[in-house]
Amino acid sequence: FVDRRPMTRVTLTPQGREAWIAYL
């Protein structure tokens, strides 16, 4: 929560980065 408002942050994991590079 930031100033009483919900905040969702998303990060690419190392596994996700590897999968993305393999996909490309």
PDB file of all heavy atoms in Angstrom:
ATOM      1  N   PHE A   1       0.847  -1.185   0.000  1.00  0.00           N
ATOM      2  CA  PHE A   1       0.000   0.000   0.000  1.00  0.00           C
ATOM      3  C   PHE A   1       0.882   1.233   0.000  1.00  0.00           C
ATOM      4  O   PHE A   1       1.890   1.296   0.708  1.00  0.00           O
ATOM      5  CB  PHE A   1      -0.921   0.023   1.231  1.00  0.00           C
ATOM      6  CG  PHE A   1      -2.061  -0.947   1.125  1.00  0.00           C
ATOM      7  CD1 PHE A   1      -1.920  -2.249   1.571  1.00  0.00           C
ATOM      8  CD2 PHE A   1      -3.270  -0.550   0.573  1.00  0.00           C
ATOM      9  CE1 PHE A   1      -2.962  -3.148   1.465  1.00  0.00           C
ATOM     10  CE2 PHE A   1      -4.315  -1.444   0.465  1.00  0.00           C
ATOM     11  CZ  PHE A   1      -4.172  -2.742   0.908  1.00  0.00           C
ATOM     12  N   VAL A   2       0.518   2.212  -0.812  1.00  0.00           N
ATOM     13  CA  VAL A   2       1.201   3.497  -0.865  1.00  0.00           C
ATOM     14  C   VAL A   2       0.123   4.563  -0.673  1.00  0.00           C
ATOM     15  O   VAL A   2      -0.809   4.654  -1.474  1.00  0.00           O
ATOM     16  CB  VAL A   2       1.941   3.695  -2.213  1.00  0.00           C
ATOM     17  CG1 VAL A   2       2.553   5.075  -2.289  1.00  0.00           C
ATOM     18  CG2 VAL A   2       2.986   2.614  -2.407  1.00  0.00           C
ATOM     19  N   ASP A   3       0.254   5.332   0.400  1.00  0.00           N
ATOM     20  CA  ASP A   3      -0.770   6.333   0.726  1.00  0.00           C
ATOM     21  C   ASP A   3      -2.161   5.719   0.762  1.00  0.00           C
ATOM     22  O   ASP A   3      -3.112   6.244   0.191  1.00  0.00           O
ATOM     23  CB  ASP A   3      -0.729   7.504  -0.270  1.00  0.00           C
ATOM     24  CG  ASP A   3       0.558   8.283  -0.197  1.00  0.00           C
ATOM     25  OD1 ASP A   3       1.142   8.366   0.910  1.00  0.00           O
ATOM     26  OD2 ASP A   3       0.989   8.802  -1.240  1.00  0.00           O
ATOM     27  N   ARG A   4      -2.252   4.571   1.404  1.00  0.00           N
ATOM     28  CA  ARG A   4      -3.519   3.839   1.581  1.00  0.00           C
ATOM     29  C   ARG A   4      -4.122   3.304   0.286  1.00  0.00           C
ATOM     30  O   ARG A   4      -5.272   2.889   0.254  1.00  0.00           O
ATOM     31  CB  ARG A   4      -4.549   4.699   2.298  1.00  0.00           C
ATOM     32  CG  ARG A   4      -4.142   5.072   3.687  1.00  0.00           C
ATOM     33  CD  ARG A   4      -5.239   5.827   4.353  1.00  0.00           C
ATOM     34  NE  ARG A   4      -4.772   6.334   5.641  1.00  0.00           N
ATOM     35  CZ  ARG A   4      -5.491   7.060   6.435  1.00  0.00           C
ATOM     36  NH1 ARG A   4      -6.725   7.375   6.095  1.00  0.00           N
ATOM     37  NH2 ARG A   4      -5.004   7.477   7.571  1.00  0.00           N
ATOM     38  N   ARG A   5      -3.347   3.326  -0.767  1.00  0.00           N
ATOM     39  CA  ARG A   5      -3.825   2.788  -2.040  1.00  0.00           C
ATOM     40  C   ARG A   5      -3.025   1.537  -2.378  1.00  0.00           C
ATOM     41  O   ARG A   5      -1.807   1.511  -2.187  1.00  0.00           O
ATOM     42  CB  ARG A   5      -3.664   3.829  -3.144  1.00  0.00           C
ATOM     43  CG  ARG A   5      -4.495   5.082  -2.875  1.00  0.00           C
ATOM     44  CD  ARG A   5      -4.307   6.110  -3.935  1.00  0.00           C
ATOM     45  NE  ARG A   5      -4.937   5.640  -5.165  1.00  0.00           N
ATOM     46  CZ  ARG A   5      -4.713   6.180  -6.342  1.00  0.00           C
ATOM     47  NH1 ARG A   5      -3.886   7.184  -6.477  1.00  0.00           N
ATOM     48  NH2 ARG A   5      -5.330   5.717  -7.406  1.00  0.00           N
ATOM     49  N   PRO A   6      -3.686   0.508  -2.886  1.00  0.00           N
ATOM     50  CA  PRO A   6      -2.949  -0.712  -3.233  1.00  0.00           C
ATOM     51  C   PRO A   6      -1.975  -0.463  -4.382  1.00  0.00           C
ATOM     52  O   PRO A   6      -2.280   0.264  -5.328  1.00  0.00           O
ATOM     53  CB  PRO A   6      -4.037  -1.699  -3.645  1.00  0.00           C
ATOM     54  CG  PRO A   6      -5.237  -0.877  -3.938  1.00  0.00           C
ATOM     55  CD  PRO A   6      -5.111   0.402  -3.186  1.00  0.00           C
ATOM     56  N   MET A   7      -0.790  -1.049  -4.255  1.00  0.00           N
ATOM     57  CA  MET A   7       0.240  -0.927  -5.286  1.00  0.00           C
ATOM     58  C   MET A   7       0.746  -2.322  -5.593  1.00  0.00           C
ATOM     59  O   MET A   7       1.210  -3.034  -4.708  1.00  0.00           O
ATOM     60  CB  MET A   7       1.377  -0.045  -4.804  1.00  0.00           C
ATOM     61  CG  MET A   7       2.567  -0.007  -5.734  1.00  0.00           C
ATOM     62  SD  MET A   7       2.243   0.720  -7.343  1.00  0.00           S
ATOM     63  CE  MET A   7       2.275   2.441  -6.926  1.00  0.00           C
ATOM     64  N   THR A   8       0.643  -2.716  -6.845  1.00  0.00           N
ATOM     65  CA  THR A   8       1.149  -4.014  -7.290  1.00  0.00           C
ATOM     66  C   THR A   8       2.327  -3.761  -8.216  1.00  0.00           C
ATOM     67  O   THR A   8       2.201  -3.037  -9.199  1.00  0.00           O
ATOM     68  CB  THR A   8       0.049  -4.809  -8.023  1.00  0.00           C
ATOM     69  OG1 THR A   8      -1.050  -5.008  -7.140  1.00  0.00           O
ATOM     70  CG2 THR A   8       0.570  -6.156  -8.493  1.00  0.00           C
ATOM     71  N   ARG A   9       3.459  -4.366  -7.873  1.00  0.00           N
ATOM     72  CA  ARG A   9       4.653  -4.246  -8.706  1.00  0.00           C
ATOM     73  C   ARG A   9       5.038  -5.630  -9.201  1.00  0.00           C
ATOM     74  O   ARG A   9       4.986  -6.604  -8.464  1.00  0.00           O
ATOM     75  CB  ARG A   9       5.799  -3.626  -7.909  1.00  0.00           C
ATOM     76  CG  ARG A   9       5.574  -2.178  -7.565  1.00  0.00           C
ATOM     77  CD  ARG A   9       6.788  -1.590  -6.875  1.00  0.00           C
ATOM     78  NE  ARG A   9       6.548  -0.224  -6.472  1.00  0.00           N
ATOM     79  CZ  ARG A   9       6.083   0.151  -5.291  1.00  0.00           C
ATOM     80  NH1 ARG A   9       5.791  -0.752  -4.393  1.00  0.00           N
ATOM     81  NH2 ARG A   9       5.910   1.422  -5.010  1.00  0.00           N
ATOM     82  N   VAL A  10       5.463  -5.680 -10.446  1.00  0.00           N
ATOM     83  CA  VAL A  10       5.792  -6.952 -11.086  1.00  0.00           C
ATOM     84  C   VAL A  10       7.238  -6.906 -11.548  1.00  0.00           C
ATOM     85  O   VAL A  10       7.684  -5.909 -12.125  1.00  0.00           O
ATOM     86  CB  VAL A  10       4.858  -7.214 -12.291  1.00  0.00           C
ATOM     87  CG1 VAL A  10       5.133  -8.579 -12.897  1.00  0.00           C
ATOM     88  CG2 VAL A  10       3.400  -7.084 -11.880  1.00  0.00           C
ATOM     89  N   THR A  11       7.965  -7.987 -11.292  1.00  0.00           N
ATOM     90  CA  THR A  11       9.370  -8.098 -11.677  1.00  0.00           C
ATOM     91  C   THR A  11       9.573  -9.395 -12.446  1.00  0.00           C
ATOM     92  O   THR A  11       9.017 -10.438 -12.093  1.00  0.00           O
ATOM     93  CB  THR A  11      10.270  -8.130 -10.425  1.00  0.00           C
ATOM     94  OG1 THR A  11       9.962  -7.018  -9.593  1.00  0.00           O
ATOM     95  CG2 THR A  11      11.730  -8.101 -10.794  1.00  0.00           C
ATOM     96  N   LEU A  12      10.382  -9.337 -13.487  1.00  0.00           N
ATOM     97  CA  LEU A  12      10.756 -10.536 -14.223  1.00  0.00           C
ATOM     98  C   LEU A  12      11.779 -11.313 -13.397  1.00  0.00           C
ATOM     99  O   LEU A  12      12.764 -10.747 -12.929  1.00  0.00           O
ATOM    100  CB  LEU A  12      11.363 -10.124 -15.570  1.00  0.00           C
ATOM    101  CG  LEU A  12      11.530 -11.182 -16.640  1.00  0.00           C
ATOM    102  CD1 LEU A  12      10.181 -11.758 -17.047  1.00  0.00           C
ATOM    103  CD2 LEU A  12      12.215 -10.577 -17.850  1.00  0.00           C
ATOM    104  N   THR A  13      11.547 -12.598 -13.194  1.00  0.00           N
ATOM    105  CA  THR A  13      12.484 -13.421 -12.427  1.00  0.00           C
ATOM    106  C   THR A  13      13.638 -13.866 -13.331  1.00  0.00           C
ATOM    107  O   THR A  13      13.527 -13.800 -14.566  1.00  0.00           O
ATOM    108  CB  THR A  13      11.780 -14.674 -11.867  1.00  0.00           C
ATOM    109  OG1 THR A  13      11.357 -15.481 -12.967  1.00  0.00           O
ATOM    110  CG2 THR A  13      10.594 -14.320 -10.979  1.00  0.00           C
ATOM    111  N   PRO A  14      14.733 -14.341 -12.739  1.00  0.00           N
ATOM    112  CA  PRO A  14      15.812 -14.892 -13.577  1.00  0.00           C
ATOM    113  C   PRO A  14      15.306 -16.012 -14.490  1.00  0.00           C
ATOM    114  O   PRO A  14      15.690 -16.082 -15.659  1.00  0.00           O
ATOM    115  CB  PRO A  14      16.824 -15.405 -12.554  1.00  0.00           C
ATOM    116  CG  PRO A  14      16.621 -14.517 -11.356  1.00  0.00           C
ATOM    117  CD  PRO A  14      15.122 -14.279 -11.325  1.00  0.00           C
ATOM    118  N   GLN A  15      14.437 -16.869 -13.969  1.00  0.00           N
ATOM    119  CA  GLN A  15      13.855 -17.949 -14.785  1.00  0.00           C
ATOM    120  C   GLN A  15      13.018 -17.366 -15.920  1.00  0.00           C
ATOM    121  O   GLN A  15      13.063 -17.860 -17.048  1.00  0.00           O
ATOM    122  CB  GLN A  15      12.983 -18.852 -13.909  1.00  0.00           C
ATOM    123  CG  GLN A  15      12.341 -19.995 -14.654  1.00  0.00           C
ATOM    124  CD  GLN A  15      11.424 -20.825 -13.770  1.00  0.00           C
ATOM    125  OE1 GLN A  15      11.388 -20.661 -12.556  1.00  0.00           O
ATOM    126  NE2 GLN A  15      10.676 -21.720 -14.390  1.00  0.00           N
ATOM    127  N   GLY A  16      12.281 -16.309 -15.641  1.00  0.00           N
ATOM    128  CA  GLY A  16      11.477 -15.658 -16.672  1.00  0.00           C
ATOM    129  C   GLY A  16      12.340 -15.023 -17.743  1.00  0.00           C
ATOM    130  O   GLY A  16      12.026 -15.095 -18.933  1.00  0.00           O
ATOM    131  N   ARG A  17      13.447 -14.401 -17.329  1.00  0.00           N
ATOM    132  CA  ARG A  17      14.366 -13.784 -18.294  1.00  0.00           C
ATOM    133  C   ARG A  17      14.977 -14.853 -19.206  1.00  0.00           C
ATOM    134  O   ARG A  17      15.056 -14.671 -20.418  1.00  0.00           O
ATOM    135  CB  ARG A  17      15.458 -13.005 -17.571  1.00  0.00           C
ATOM    136  CG  ARG A  17      16.337 -12.190 -18.510  1.00  0.00           C
ATOM    137  CD  ARG A  17      17.200 -11.193 -17.786  1.00  0.00           C
ATOM    138  NE  ARG A  17      16.466 -10.224 -17.014  1.00  0.00           N
ATOM    139  CZ  ARG A  17      15.838  -9.157 -17.498  1.00  0.00           C
ATOM    140  NH1 ARG A  17      15.836  -8.941 -18.796  1.00  0.00           N
ATOM    141  NH2 ARG A  17      15.209  -8.322 -16.714  1.00  0.00           N
ATOM    142  N   GLU A  18      15.368 -15.979 -18.621  1.00  0.00           N
ATOM    143  CA  GLU A  18      15.922 -17.080 -19.424  1.00  0.00           C
ATOM    144  C   GLU A  18      14.889 -17.605 -20.414  1.00  0.00           C
ATOM    145  O   GLU A  18      15.215 -17.862 -21.576  1.00  0.00           O
ATOM    146  CB  GLU A  18      16.390 -18.216 -18.509  1.00  0.00           C
ATOM    147  CG  GLU A  18      17.656 -17.921 -17.746  1.00  0.00           C
ATOM    148  CD  GLU A  18      18.053 -19.061 -16.826  1.00  0.00           C
ATOM    149  OE1 GLU A  18      17.622 -20.219 -17.067  1.00  0.00           O
ATOM    150  OE2 GLU A  18      18.786 -18.793 -15.865  1.00  0.00           O
ATOM    151  N   ALA A  19      13.659 -17.763 -19.955  1.00  0.00           N
ATOM    152  CA  ALA A  19      12.598 -18.263 -20.835  1.00  0.00           C
ATOM    153  C   ALA A  19      12.325 -17.266 -21.964  1.00  0.00           C
ATOM    154  O   ALA A  19      12.120 -17.663 -23.111  1.00  0.00           O
ATOM    155  CB  ALA A  19      11.320 -18.518 -20.032  1.00  0.00           C
ATOM    156  N   TRP A  20      12.346 -15.976 -21.657  1.00  0.00           N
ATOM    157  CA  TRP A  20      12.104 -14.950 -22.670  1.00  0.00           C
ATOM    158  C   TRP A  20      13.217 -14.959 -23.714  1.00  0.00           C
ATOM    159  O   TRP A  20      12.947 -14.901 -24.918  1.00  0.00           O
ATOM    160  CB  TRP A  20      11.975 -13.582 -22.010  1.00  0.00           C
ATOM    161  CG  TRP A  20      11.772 -12.475 -22.979  1.00  0.00           C
ATOM    162  CD1 TRP A  20      12.638 -11.470 -23.266  1.00  0.00           C
ATOM    163  CD2 TRP A  20      10.629 -12.256 -23.816  1.00  0.00           C
ATOM    164  NE1 TRP A  20      12.105 -10.645 -24.215  1.00  0.00           N
ATOM    165  CE2 TRP A  20      10.870 -11.099 -24.583  1.00  0.00           C
ATOM    166  CE3 TRP A  20       9.434 -12.930 -23.996  1.00  0.00           C
ATOM    167  CZ2 TRP A  20       9.957 -10.609 -25.500  1.00  0.00           C
ATOM    168  CZ3 TRP A  20       8.524 -12.436 -24.917  1.00  0.00           C
ATOM    169  CH2 TRP A  20       8.785 -11.295 -25.660  1.00  0.00           C
ATOM    170  N   ILE A  21      14.463 -15.052 -23.273  1.00  0.00           N
ATOM    171  CA  ILE A  21      15.598 -15.081 -24.198  1.00  0.00           C
ATOM    172  C   ILE A  21      15.530 -16.325 -25.086  1.00  0.00           C
ATOM    173  O   ILE A  21      15.766 -16.258 -26.294  1.00  0.00           O
ATOM    174  CB  ILE A  21      16.932 -14.998 -23.430  1.00  0.00           C
ATOM    175  CG1 ILE A  21      17.066 -13.586 -22.824  1.00  0.00           C
ATOM    176  CG2 ILE A  21      18.118 -15.324 -24.319  1.00  0.00           C
ATOM    177  CD1 ILE A  21      18.196 -13.449 -21.813  1.00  0.00           C
ATOM    178  N   ALA A  22      15.180 -17.464 -24.492  1.00  0.00           N
ATOM    179  CA  ALA A  22      15.043 -18.700 -25.269  1.00  0.00           C
ATOM    180  C   ALA A  22      13.918 -18.555 -26.296  1.00  0.00           C
ATOM    181  O   ALA A  22      14.052 -18.981 -27.451  1.00  0.00           O
ATOM    182  CB  ALA A  22      14.771 -19.878 -24.346  1.00  0.00           C
ATOM    183  N   TYR A  23      12.810 -17.955 -25.892  1.00  0.00           N
ATOM    184  CA  TYR A  23      11.684 -17.732 -26.805  1.00  0.00           C
ATOM    185  C   TYR A  23      12.118 -16.867 -27.985  1.00  0.00           C
ATOM    186  O   TYR A  23      11.812 -17.180 -29.141  1.00  0.00           O
ATOM    187  CB  TYR A  23      10.521 -17.075 -26.057  1.00  0.00           C
ATOM    188  CG  TYR A  23       9.425 -16.602 -26.973  1.00  0.00           C
ATOM    189  CD1 TYR A  23       8.507 -17.491 -27.508  1.00  0.00           C
ATOM    190  CD2 TYR A  23       9.323 -15.255 -27.316  1.00  0.00           C
ATOM    191  CE1 TYR A  23       7.510 -17.055 -28.372  1.00  0.00           C
ATOM    192  CE2 TYR A  23       8.332 -14.814 -28.175  1.00  0.00           C
ATOM    193  CZ  TYR A  23       7.430 -15.712 -28.693  1.00  0.00           C
ATOM    194  OH  TYR A  23       6.456 -15.281 -29.540  1.00  0.00           O
ATOM    195  N   LEU A  24      12.824 -15.785 -27.708  1.00  0.00           N
ATOM    196  CA  LEU A  24      13.283 -14.906 -28.782  1.00  0.00           C
ATOM    197  C   LEU A  24      14.240 -15.636 -29.721  1.00  0.00           C
ATOM    198  O   LEU A  24      14.178 -15.456 -30.941  1.00  0.00           O
ATOM    199  CB  LEU A  24      13.957 -13.660 -28.207  1.00  0.00           C
ATOM    200  CG  LEU A  24      13.047 -12.687 -27.467  1.00  0.00           C
ATOM    201  CD1 LEU A  24      13.856 -11.534 -26.899  1.00  0.00           C
ATOM    202  CD2 LEU A  24      11.927 -12.192 -28.354  1.00  0.00           C
TER     203      LEU A  24
END
